[in-house]
Amino acid sequence: MASPGKKAFALRIDPVLWAEVERLAAAELRSVNAQVEMLLREALRARLGDAAMARLARRKPAPG
């Protein structure tokens, strides 16, 4: 079950890539879900920069 305020969605992913995410999550003592979220945040920060991430953090998420 999704946490309140978080969007749930289905993700189709290559099994080899999924296995690597699982391995990394276990090594960093995270759930796979938390690992995927952390990797997405890292990727957005790399693309958008810290200032843009700060702006996103201040925005209210769209309902849905």
C-alpha atoms as a PDB file:
ATOM      1  CA  MET A   1       0.000   0.000   0.000  1.00  0.00           C
ATOM      2  CA  ALA A   2       1.294   3.459  -0.888  1.00  0.00           C
ATOM      3  CA  SER A   3       2.114   5.946   1.825  1.00  0.00           C
ATOM      4  CA  PRO A   4      -0.337   8.840   2.189  1.00  0.00           C
ATOM      5  CA  GLY A   5       0.658  11.710  -0.068  1.00  0.00           C
ATOM      6  CA  LYS A   6       2.769   9.509  -2.345  1.00  0.00           C
ATOM      7  CA  LYS A   7       1.866   8.520  -5.880  1.00  0.00           C
ATOM      8  CA  ALA A   8       1.781   4.798  -6.659  1.00  0.00           C
ATOM      9  CA  PHE A   9       2.412   3.565 -10.195  1.00  0.00           C
ATOM     10  CA  ALA A  10       3.405   0.434 -12.086  1.00  0.00           C
ATOM     11  CA  LEU A  11       6.939   0.302 -13.449  1.00  0.00           C
ATOM     12  CA  ARG A  12       8.120  -2.003 -16.206  1.00  0.00           C
ATOM     13  CA  ILE A  13      11.868  -2.477 -15.857  1.00  0.00           C
ATOM     14  CA  ASP A  14      14.521  -4.783 -17.274  1.00  0.00           C
ATOM     15  CA  PRO A  15      15.086  -7.682 -14.857  1.00  0.00           C
ATOM     16  CA  VAL A  16      18.867  -7.199 -14.891  1.00  0.00           C
ATOM     17  CA  LEU A  17      18.483  -3.514 -13.991  1.00  0.00           C
ATOM     18  CA  TRP A  18      15.969  -4.421 -11.259  1.00  0.00           C
ATOM     19  CA  ALA A  19      18.415  -6.942  -9.797  1.00  0.00           C
ATOM     20  CA  GLU A  20      21.084  -4.234  -9.582  1.00  0.00           C
ATOM     21  CA  VAL A  21      18.680  -1.857  -7.853  1.00  0.00           C
ATOM     22  CA  GLU A  22      17.799  -4.630  -5.380  1.00  0.00           C
ATOM     23  CA  ARG A  23      21.493  -5.336  -4.761  1.00  0.00           C
ATOM     24  CA  LEU A  24      22.254  -1.662  -4.191  1.00  0.00           C
ATOM     25  CA  ALA A  25      19.236  -1.258  -1.899  1.00  0.00           C
ATOM     26  CA  ALA A  26      20.333  -4.212   0.227  1.00  0.00           C
ATOM     27  CA  ALA A  27      23.891  -2.885   0.428  1.00  0.00           C
ATOM     28  CA  GLU A  28      22.608   0.521   1.568  1.00  0.00           C
ATOM     29  CA  LEU A  29      19.988  -0.970   3.946  1.00  0.00           C
ATOM     30  CA  ARG A  30      17.022   0.527   2.068  1.00  0.00           C
ATOM     31  CA  SER A  31      13.880  -0.918   0.606  1.00  0.00           C
ATOM     32  CA  VAL A  32      13.869  -1.155  -3.172  1.00  0.00           C
ATOM     33  CA  ASN A  33      11.161   1.515  -3.245  1.00  0.00           C
ATOM     34  CA  ALA A  34      13.268   3.905  -1.148  1.00  0.00           C
ATOM     35  CA  GLN A  35      16.291   3.139  -3.337  1.00  0.00           C
ATOM     36  CA  VAL A  36      14.389   3.943  -6.537  1.00  0.00           C
ATOM     37  CA  GLU A  37      13.137   7.210  -5.016  1.00  0.00           C
ATOM     38  CA  MET A  38      16.662   8.142  -3.909  1.00  0.00           C
ATOM     39  CA  LEU A  39      18.082   7.352  -7.369  1.00  0.00           C
ATOM     40  CA  LEU A  40      15.389   9.489  -9.019  1.00  0.00           C
ATOM     41  CA  ARG A  41      16.194  12.387  -6.676  1.00  0.00           C
ATOM     42  CA  GLU A  42      19.921  12.049  -7.442  1.00  0.00           C
ATOM     43  CA  ALA A  43      19.215  12.021 -11.187  1.00  0.00           C
ATOM     44  CA  LEU A  44      16.966  15.095 -10.950  1.00  0.00           C
ATOM     45  CA  ARG A  45      19.544  16.938  -8.850  1.00  0.00           C
ATOM     46  CA  ALA A  46      22.226  16.113 -11.448  1.00  0.00           C
ATOM     47  CA  ARG A  47      19.996  17.377 -14.262  1.00  0.00           C
ATOM     48  CA  LEU A  48      18.350  20.348 -12.564  1.00  0.00           C
ATOM     49  CA  GLY A  49      20.823  21.398  -9.879  1.00  0.00           C
ATOM     50  CA  ASP A  50      20.313  22.029  -6.183  1.00  0.00           C
ATOM     51  CA  ALA A  51      18.421  25.316  -6.678  1.00  0.00           C
ATOM     52  CA  ALA A  52      15.797  23.636  -8.850  1.00  0.00           C
ATOM     53  CA  MET A  53      15.462  20.779  -6.354  1.00  0.00           C
ATOM     54  CA  ALA A  54      14.857  23.305  -3.582  1.00  0.00           C
ATOM     55  CA  ARG A  55      12.101  24.891  -5.688  1.00  0.00           C
ATOM     56  CA  LEU A  56      10.511  21.480  -6.272  1.00  0.00           C
ATOM     57  CA  ALA A  57      10.629  20.704  -2.547  1.00  0.00           C
ATOM     58  CA  ARG A  58       8.645  23.864  -1.785  1.00  0.00           C
ATOM     59  CA  ARG A  59       5.878  23.048  -4.296  1.00  0.00           C
ATOM     60  CA  LYS A  60       2.777  21.173  -3.302  1.00  0.00           C
ATOM     61  CA  PRO A  61       2.354  17.971  -5.336  1.00  0.00           C
ATOM     62  CA  ALA A  62      -0.519  17.841  -7.782  1.00  0.00           C
ATOM     63  CA  PRO A  63      -3.419  15.665  -6.667  1.00  0.00           C
ATOM     64  CA  GLY A  64      -3.644  12.297  -8.297  1.00  0.00           C
END
